[in-house]
Amino acid sequence: MRDEFCASPGLIHRLERSAPRDAAPLWGGTGSYIPKTANTWRGPIRDFTLRLRKSSLEESISLCFPGQVENVDALTLEAKIADFAPAADLRIRFLATVSQGALLPYADPDAALFGGAAPQGLRTSSD
């Protein structure tokens, strides 16, 4: 996870600290966005915005991304890049620790993909 999703040591420590010893350590989903593979535009993306929304305050998001990702609010992360020329596809990991018997806000771990909903704000413009 550290390499594939650029998980910071702080994130890994926080997840390890918050997971009870008798718990399934992590639940979540993985999402991919393929701006490099699907590179069908001419030149850089003029105005690229990536917006990710967590399904709960307990959920964490980890991704490798060249832009500065900022908190919009307690559940929403956003990054904006002008003239974005993707060097790699984006892989995003949504993570939550789960205590035994606790229910996640989503029943199916794969439903955590993109925060339990369709991607928000994956918007590009090459005009």
Protein backbone atom coordinates (compact mmCIF):
# COMPACT_ATOMS: atom_id res chain seq x y z
CA MET A 1 0.00 0.00 0.00
CA ARG A 2 2.83 2.35 0.81
CA ASP A 3 4.24 2.19 -2.72
CA GLU A 4 1.15 1.55 -4.82
CA PHE A 5 -1.00 4.26 -3.19
CA CYS A 6 1.72 6.55 -1.75
CA ALA A 7 0.39 6.04 1.78
CA SER A 8 2.26 8.34 4.12
CA PRO A 9 3.86 6.98 7.28
CA GLY A 10 1.38 9.15 9.23
CA LEU A 11 -1.62 7.53 7.51
CA ILE A 12 -0.28 4.02 8.10
CA HIS A 13 0.42 4.81 11.77
CA ARG A 14 -3.07 6.33 12.24
CA LEU A 15 -4.75 3.27 10.68
CA GLU A 16 -2.68 0.85 12.75
CA ARG A 17 -3.36 2.81 15.95
CA SER A 18 -7.13 3.02 15.36
CA ALA A 19 -7.65 -0.66 14.53
CA PRO A 20 -8.38 -2.81 17.59
CA ARG A 21 -6.20 -5.93 17.80
CA ASP A 22 -9.21 -8.24 17.33
CA ALA A 23 -10.51 -6.37 14.29
CA ALA A 24 -10.25 -7.00 10.60
CA PRO A 25 -7.54 -4.41 9.97
CA LEU A 26 -8.79 -2.55 6.91
CA TRP A 27 -11.77 -2.40 4.61
CA GLY A 28 -12.15 -0.29 1.54
CA GLY A 29 -12.10 -0.07 -2.17
CA THR A 30 -9.76 0.85 -4.94
CA GLY A 31 -10.52 3.19 -7.79
CA SER A 32 -8.63 3.98 -10.94
CA TYR A 33 -8.79 6.95 -13.23
CA ILE A 34 -6.84 6.54 -16.44
CA PRO A 35 -5.92 9.97 -17.83
CA LYS A 36 -2.61 8.67 -19.23
CA THR A 37 -3.94 5.44 -20.74
CA ALA A 38 -7.00 7.19 -22.18
CA ASN A 39 -4.92 10.09 -23.47
CA THR A 40 -7.20 11.04 -26.37
CA TRP A 41 -6.88 14.82 -26.13
CA ARG A 42 -4.33 17.00 -27.83
CA GLY A 43 -1.83 18.48 -25.43
CA PRO A 44 -2.20 18.99 -21.68
CA ILE A 45 -5.56 19.13 -19.92
CA ARG A 46 -6.18 22.85 -19.51
CA ASP A 47 -8.19 22.69 -16.29
CA PHE A 48 -8.01 19.40 -14.35
CA THR A 49 -9.97 19.01 -11.10
CA LEU A 50 -9.95 15.87 -8.98
CA ARG A 51 -12.55 15.78 -6.20
CA LEU A 52 -12.84 12.80 -3.87
CA ARG A 53 -15.48 12.38 -1.17
CA LYS A 54 -15.17 10.05 1.80
CA SER A 55 -18.28 8.16 2.92
CA SER A 56 -17.55 8.84 6.60
CA LEU A 57 -15.15 10.72 8.86
CA GLU A 58 -13.47 7.42 9.75
CA GLU A 59 -12.53 6.71 6.13
CA SER A 60 -9.10 7.69 4.77
CA ILE A 61 -7.99 8.23 1.19
CA SER A 62 -4.55 7.48 -0.18
CA LEU A 63 -3.35 8.14 -3.72
CA CYS A 64 -0.30 9.00 -5.77
CA PHE A 65 -0.97 12.33 -7.43
CA PRO A 66 1.39 15.06 -8.63
CA GLY A 67 -0.85 17.93 -7.51
CA GLN A 68 -1.46 19.43 -4.09
CA VAL A 69 -4.51 17.70 -2.58
CA GLU A 70 -6.40 19.90 -0.11
CA ASN A 71 -9.30 19.38 2.27
CA VAL A 72 -12.43 21.18 1.05
CA ASP A 73 -14.37 20.04 4.12
CA ALA A 74 -14.27 17.13 6.57
CA LEU A 75 -15.27 14.62 3.86
CA THR A 76 -14.01 16.14 0.62
CA LEU A 77 -10.53 16.34 -0.90
CA GLU A 78 -9.77 18.32 -4.03
CA ALA A 79 -6.83 19.01 -6.32
CA LYS A 80 -6.65 21.36 -9.28
CA ILE A 81 -3.92 21.46 -11.88
CA ALA A 82 -3.68 23.78 -14.87
CA ASP A 83 -2.18 22.35 -18.07
CA PHE A 84 -2.03 18.85 -16.60
CA ALA A 85 -0.08 16.33 -18.68
CA PRO A 86 -0.57 13.02 -16.82
CA ALA A 87 2.57 10.93 -16.53
CA ALA A 88 0.70 8.00 -14.94
CA ASP A 89 -2.83 6.78 -14.29
CA LEU A 90 -4.35 7.50 -10.86
CA ARG A 91 -4.94 4.70 -8.36
CA ILE A 92 -6.99 5.69 -5.35
CA ARG A 93 -7.52 3.69 -2.16
CA PHE A 94 -10.38 4.34 0.27
CA LEU A 95 -9.63 2.81 3.68
CA ALA A 96 -11.44 2.35 6.98
CA THR A 97 -10.60 0.32 10.05
CA VAL A 98 -13.35 -2.00 11.17
CA SER A 99 -13.97 -3.27 14.69
CA GLN A 100 -15.54 -6.70 14.99
CA GLY A 101 -19.27 -6.35 14.61
CA ALA A 102 -19.08 -2.75 13.41
CA LEU A 103 -20.76 -1.93 10.14
CA LEU A 104 -19.26 0.26 7.49
CA PRO A 105 -21.41 2.88 5.78
CA TYR A 106 -21.35 0.51 2.80
CA ALA A 107 -22.20 -3.18 2.99
CA ASP A 108 -19.98 -4.33 0.14
CA PRO A 109 -16.28 -3.41 0.44
CA ASP A 110 -16.14 -2.87 -3.31
CA ALA A 111 -18.91 -0.27 -2.98
CA ALA A 112 -16.34 1.92 -1.26
CA LEU A 113 -14.97 2.66 -4.69
CA PHE A 114 -14.98 6.42 -5.05
CA GLY A 115 -16.39 6.91 -1.58
CA GLY A 116 -19.45 4.72 -2.07
CA ALA A 117 -20.72 6.83 -4.96
CA ALA A 118 -19.87 7.71 -8.50
CA PRO A 119 -16.71 9.79 -8.94
CA GLN A 120 -17.34 13.46 -8.30
CA GLY A 121 -15.55 16.21 -10.09
CA LEU A 122 -13.41 14.10 -12.38
CA ARG A 123 -13.61 16.91 -14.84
CA THR A 124 -11.24 17.75 -17.63
CA SER A 125 -11.18 20.42 -20.24
CA SER A 126 -8.76 20.62 -23.12
CA ASP A 127 -10.39 23.58 -24.90
